[in-house]
Amino acid sequence: MDELPGALGTSASLSLRMGQTIFSSAALLFMCLDVEFYSYTAFCFLVTVMGLVIPWSLTLSLVDAYSVFVKCPLHQPGIMLVVIIGDWVLSFLSLAAACSTAGVTDLLLNARLCGRYQLSAAMAFLSWFLSLASSLFNLWRLPSL
């Protein structure tokens, strides 16, 4: 059977996971460069969610890298189900965090560091998009296992 591009254990999945890690790290970095982010709950929520997404994506990118280099794709439905559920949960959390950050940033347009918050929200949206794509590819592959 041909592997679905973007499913766990493929080079496309490795690219998606690395993109998630990079964009989540950038969102966290841009948010944490300001010392006043903790005064807004939406910003704390974004920091918390990106702090969860980074290790999740980094761990799965290591699994993808191992699968690509050893050429041994994962075919266990139980592992795939855990990955899909984790992706969906983190995808919805990152969408909620990005939307709440963008909403608060829109209200704070007169702030001096508002550009940094907007950039952090944009990175969170990009991370969410890659996470959603990865979870959809894995969900599409699940029935064929």
C-alpha atoms as a PDB file:
ATOM      1  CA  MET A   1       0.000   0.000   0.000  1.00  0.00           C
ATOM      2  CA  ASP A   2       1.258   3.481  -0.839  1.00  0.00           C
ATOM      3  CA  GLU A   3       1.818   5.759   2.110  1.00  0.00           C
ATOM      4  CA  LEU A   4      -0.405   8.801   2.420  1.00  0.00           C
ATOM      5  CA  PRO A   5       1.758  11.938   2.286  1.00  0.00           C
ATOM      6  CA  GLY A   6       1.485  13.776   5.583  1.00  0.00           C
ATOM      7  CA  ALA A   7       0.558  10.723   7.653  1.00  0.00           C
ATOM      8  CA  LEU A   8       2.711   9.736  10.605  1.00  0.00           C
ATOM      9  CA  GLY A   9       6.015   8.198   9.538  1.00  0.00           C
ATOM     10  CA  THR A  10       6.439  10.058   6.229  1.00  0.00           C
ATOM     11  CA  SER A  11       8.781  12.854   5.233  1.00  0.00           C
ATOM     12  CA  ALA A  12       5.814  15.197   4.668  1.00  0.00           C
ATOM     13  CA  SER A  13       4.701  14.538   8.240  1.00  0.00           C
ATOM     14  CA  LEU A  14       8.221  15.322   9.407  1.00  0.00           C
ATOM     15  CA  SER A  15       7.999  18.669   7.589  1.00  0.00           C
ATOM     16  CA  LEU A  16       4.595  19.407   9.115  1.00  0.00           C
ATOM     17  CA  ARG A  17       5.832  18.561  12.613  1.00  0.00           C
ATOM     18  CA  MET A  18       8.973  20.653  12.242  1.00  0.00           C
ATOM     19  CA  GLY A  19       6.843  23.563  11.020  1.00  0.00           C
ATOM     20  CA  GLN A  20       4.560  23.179  14.037  1.00  0.00           C
ATOM     21  CA  THR A  21       7.561  23.186  16.352  1.00  0.00           C
ATOM     22  CA  ILE A  22       9.098  26.242  14.706  1.00  0.00           C
ATOM     23  CA  PHE A  23       5.882  28.295  14.610  1.00  0.00           C
ATOM     24  CA  SER A  24       4.915  27.317  18.172  1.00  0.00           C
ATOM     25  CA  SER A  25       8.374  28.234  19.420  1.00  0.00           C
ATOM     26  CA  ALA A  26       8.194  31.552  17.581  1.00  0.00           C
ATOM     27  CA  ALA A  27       4.751  32.306  19.079  1.00  0.00           C
ATOM     28  CA  LEU A  28       6.067  31.490  22.538  1.00  0.00           C
ATOM     29  CA  LEU A  29       9.233  33.521  22.013  1.00  0.00           C
ATOM     30  CA  PHE A  30       7.432  36.628  20.728  1.00  0.00           C
ATOM     31  CA  MET A  31       4.930  36.464  23.577  1.00  0.00           C
ATOM     32  CA  CYS A  32       7.486  35.890  26.328  1.00  0.00           C
ATOM     33  CA  LEU A  33       9.813  38.680  25.220  1.00  0.00           C
ATOM     34  CA  ASP A  34       7.389  41.078  26.877  1.00  0.00           C
ATOM     35  CA  VAL A  35       7.314  41.049  30.642  1.00  0.00           C
ATOM     36  CA  GLU A  36       3.678  42.184  30.795  1.00  0.00           C
ATOM     37  CA  PHE A  37       2.087  39.238  28.984  1.00  0.00           C
ATOM     38  CA  TYR A  38       0.999  37.618  32.261  1.00  0.00           C
ATOM     39  CA  SER A  39      -1.481  40.440  32.947  1.00  0.00           C
ATOM     40  CA  TYR A  40      -3.856  39.098  30.277  1.00  0.00           C
ATOM     41  CA  THR A  41      -5.423  35.668  30.585  1.00  0.00           C
ATOM     42  CA  ALA A  42      -5.531  35.146  26.803  1.00  0.00           C
ATOM     43  CA  PHE A  43      -1.772  35.647  26.570  1.00  0.00           C
ATOM     44  CA  CYS A  44      -1.151  33.226  29.438  1.00  0.00           C
ATOM     45  CA  PHE A  45      -3.414  30.718  27.684  1.00  0.00           C
ATOM     46  CA  LEU A  46      -1.371  31.054  24.482  1.00  0.00           C
ATOM     47  CA  VAL A  47       1.876  30.535  26.380  1.00  0.00           C
ATOM     48  CA  THR A  48       0.460  27.447  28.105  1.00  0.00           C
ATOM     49  CA  VAL A  49      -0.887  25.892  24.908  1.00  0.00           C
ATOM     50  CA  MET A  50       2.272  26.577  22.911  1.00  0.00           C
ATOM     51  CA  GLY A  51       4.208  25.090  25.816  1.00  0.00           C
ATOM     52  CA  LEU A  52       2.196  21.897  25.266  1.00  0.00           C
ATOM     53  CA  VAL A  53       2.399  21.925  21.464  1.00  0.00           C
ATOM     54  CA  ILE A  54       6.187  22.240  21.310  1.00  0.00           C
ATOM     55  CA  PRO A  55       7.067  18.965  23.103  1.00  0.00           C
ATOM     56  CA  TRP A  56       4.200  17.111  21.370  1.00  0.00           C
ATOM     57  CA  SER A  57       5.339  18.201  17.904  1.00  0.00           C
ATOM     58  CA  LEU A  58       9.008  17.709  18.697  1.00  0.00           C
ATOM     59  CA  THR A  59       8.405  14.169  19.967  1.00  0.00           C
ATOM     60  CA  LEU A  60       6.339  13.232  16.924  1.00  0.00           C
ATOM     61  CA  SER A  61       8.926  14.779  14.616  1.00  0.00           C
ATOM     62  CA  LEU A  62      11.518  12.471  16.195  1.00  0.00           C
ATOM     63  CA  VAL A  63       9.180   9.521  15.566  1.00  0.00           C
ATOM     64  CA  ASP A  64       8.766  10.693  11.960  1.00  0.00           C
ATOM     65  CA  ALA A  65      12.496  11.100  11.514  1.00  0.00           C
ATOM     66  CA  TYR A  66      13.118   7.604  12.842  1.00  0.00           C
ATOM     67  CA  SER A  67      10.420   6.167  10.564  1.00  0.00           C
ATOM     68  CA  VAL A  68      11.785   7.985   7.516  1.00  0.00           C
ATOM     69  CA  PHE A  69      15.426   7.068   8.059  1.00  0.00           C
ATOM     70  CA  VAL A  70      14.773   3.453   9.060  1.00  0.00           C
ATOM     71  CA  LYS A  71      12.017   3.175   6.412  1.00  0.00           C
ATOM     72  CA  CYS A  72       9.685   1.503   8.884  1.00  0.00           C
ATOM     73  CA  PRO A  73       6.287   3.304   8.911  1.00  0.00           C
ATOM     74  CA  LEU A  74       4.002   2.891  11.898  1.00  0.00           C
ATOM     75  CA  HIS A  75       1.054   0.562  11.294  1.00  0.00           C
ATOM     76  CA  GLN A  76      -0.402   0.199  14.811  1.00  0.00           C
ATOM     77  CA  PRO A  77      -3.986   1.530  14.983  1.00  0.00           C
ATOM     78  CA  GLY A  78      -3.743   2.157  18.742  1.00  0.00           C
ATOM     79  CA  ILE A  79      -0.740   4.443  18.394  1.00  0.00           C
ATOM     80  CA  MET A  80      -2.346   6.223  15.454  1.00  0.00           C
ATOM     81  CA  LEU A  81      -5.541   6.781  17.459  1.00  0.00           C
ATOM     82  CA  VAL A  82      -3.583   8.343  20.340  1.00  0.00           C
ATOM     83  CA  VAL A  83      -1.724  10.598  17.890  1.00  0.00           C
ATOM     84  CA  ILE A  84      -4.972  11.628  16.170  1.00  0.00           C
ATOM     85  CA  ILE A  85      -6.731  12.419  19.455  1.00  0.00           C
ATOM     86  CA  GLY A  86      -3.698  14.354  20.706  1.00  0.00           C
ATOM     87  CA  ASP A  87      -3.500  16.288  17.444  1.00  0.00           C
ATOM     88  CA  TRP A  88      -7.202  17.165  17.530  1.00  0.00           C
ATOM     89  CA  VAL A  89      -7.102  18.310  21.155  1.00  0.00           C
ATOM     90  CA  LEU A  90      -3.977  20.425  20.652  1.00  0.00           C
ATOM     91  CA  SER A  91      -5.330  21.735  17.354  1.00  0.00           C
ATOM     92  CA  PHE A  92      -8.518  23.022  18.997  1.00  0.00           C
ATOM     93  CA  LEU A  93      -6.583  24.436  21.937  1.00  0.00           C
ATOM     94  CA  SER A  94      -4.146  26.267  19.675  1.00  0.00           C
ATOM     95  CA  LEU A  95      -6.990  27.673  17.583  1.00  0.00           C
ATOM     96  CA  ALA A  96      -8.698  28.911  20.746  1.00  0.00           C
ATOM     97  CA  ALA A  97      -5.455  30.405  22.066  1.00  0.00           C
ATOM     98  CA  ALA A  98      -4.651  32.098  18.754  1.00  0.00           C
ATOM     99  CA  CYS A  99      -8.172  33.525  18.442  1.00  0.00           C
ATOM    100  CA  SER A 100      -8.241  34.807  22.020  1.00  0.00           C
ATOM    101  CA  THR A 101      -4.805  36.376  21.612  1.00  0.00           C
ATOM    102  CA  ALA A 102      -5.825  38.014  18.344  1.00  0.00           C
ATOM    103  CA  GLY A 103      -9.007  39.338  19.984  1.00  0.00           C
ATOM    104  CA  VAL A 104      -7.183  40.853  22.945  1.00  0.00           C
ATOM    105  CA  THR A 105      -4.490  42.248  20.669  1.00  0.00           C
ATOM    106  CA  ASP A 106      -7.179  43.910  18.574  1.00  0.00           C
ATOM    107  CA  LEU A 107      -8.417  45.660  21.703  1.00  0.00           C
ATOM    108  CA  LEU A 108      -4.888  46.766  22.622  1.00  0.00           C
ATOM    109  CA  LEU A 109      -3.957  48.433  19.340  1.00  0.00           C
ATOM    110  CA  ASN A 110      -2.717  51.536  21.142  1.00  0.00           C
ATOM    111  CA  ALA A 111      -0.204  49.573  23.226  1.00  0.00           C
ATOM    112  CA  ARG A 112       3.466  50.072  22.462  1.00  0.00           C
ATOM    113  CA  LEU A 113       4.243  46.330  22.138  1.00  0.00           C
ATOM    114  CA  CYS A 114       1.085  45.356  20.290  1.00  0.00           C
ATOM    115  CA  GLY A 115       3.020  44.354  17.149  1.00  0.00           C
ATOM    116  CA  ARG A 116       4.816  41.637  19.059  1.00  0.00           C
ATOM    117  CA  TYR A 117       1.490  40.249  20.287  1.00  0.00           C
ATOM    118  CA  GLN A 118       0.083  40.307  16.755  1.00  0.00           C
ATOM    119  CA  LEU A 119       3.121  38.444  15.471  1.00  0.00           C
ATOM    120  CA  SER A 120       2.728  35.867  18.228  1.00  0.00           C
ATOM    121  CA  ALA A 121      -0.941  35.364  17.300  1.00  0.00           C
ATOM    122  CA  ALA A 122       0.003  34.967  13.626  1.00  0.00           C
ATOM    123  CA  MET A 123       2.600  32.320  14.499  1.00  0.00           C
ATOM    124  CA  ALA A 124      -0.005  30.515  16.619  1.00  0.00           C
ATOM    125  CA  PHE A 125      -2.433  30.503  13.674  1.00  0.00           C
ATOM    126  CA  LEU A 126       0.250  29.045  11.399  1.00  0.00           C
ATOM    127  CA  SER A 127       1.031  26.376  13.980  1.00  0.00           C
ATOM    128  CA  TRP A 128      -2.688  25.567  14.235  1.00  0.00           C
ATOM    129  CA  PHE A 129      -2.997  25.234  10.467  1.00  0.00           C
ATOM    130  CA  LEU A 130      -0.116  22.749  10.289  1.00  0.00           C
ATOM    131  CA  SER A 131      -1.491  20.818  13.262  1.00  0.00           C
ATOM    132  CA  LEU A 132      -4.914  20.588  11.637  1.00  0.00           C
ATOM    133  CA  ALA A 133      -3.403  19.391   8.363  1.00  0.00           C
ATOM    134  CA  SER A 134      -1.377  16.739  10.160  1.00  0.00           C
ATOM    135  CA  SER A 135      -4.364  15.479  12.125  1.00  0.00           C
ATOM    136  CA  LEU A 136      -6.519  15.304   8.990  1.00  0.00           C
ATOM    137  CA  PHE A 137      -3.878  13.282   7.135  1.00  0.00           C
ATOM    138  CA  ASN A 138      -3.586  10.867  10.052  1.00  0.00           C
ATOM    139  CA  LEU A 139      -7.363  10.583  10.372  1.00  0.00           C
ATOM    140  CA  TRP A 140      -7.584   9.807   6.659  1.00  0.00           C
ATOM    141  CA  ARG A 141      -5.003   7.043   7.043  1.00  0.00           C
ATOM    142  CA  LEU A 142      -6.580   5.421  10.117  1.00  0.00           C
ATOM    143  CA  PRO A 143      -9.274   3.320   8.324  1.00  0.00           C
ATOM    144  CA  SER A 144      -6.649   1.722   6.062  1.00  0.00           C
ATOM    145  CA  LEU A 145      -4.751   0.212   9.026  1.00  0.00           C
END
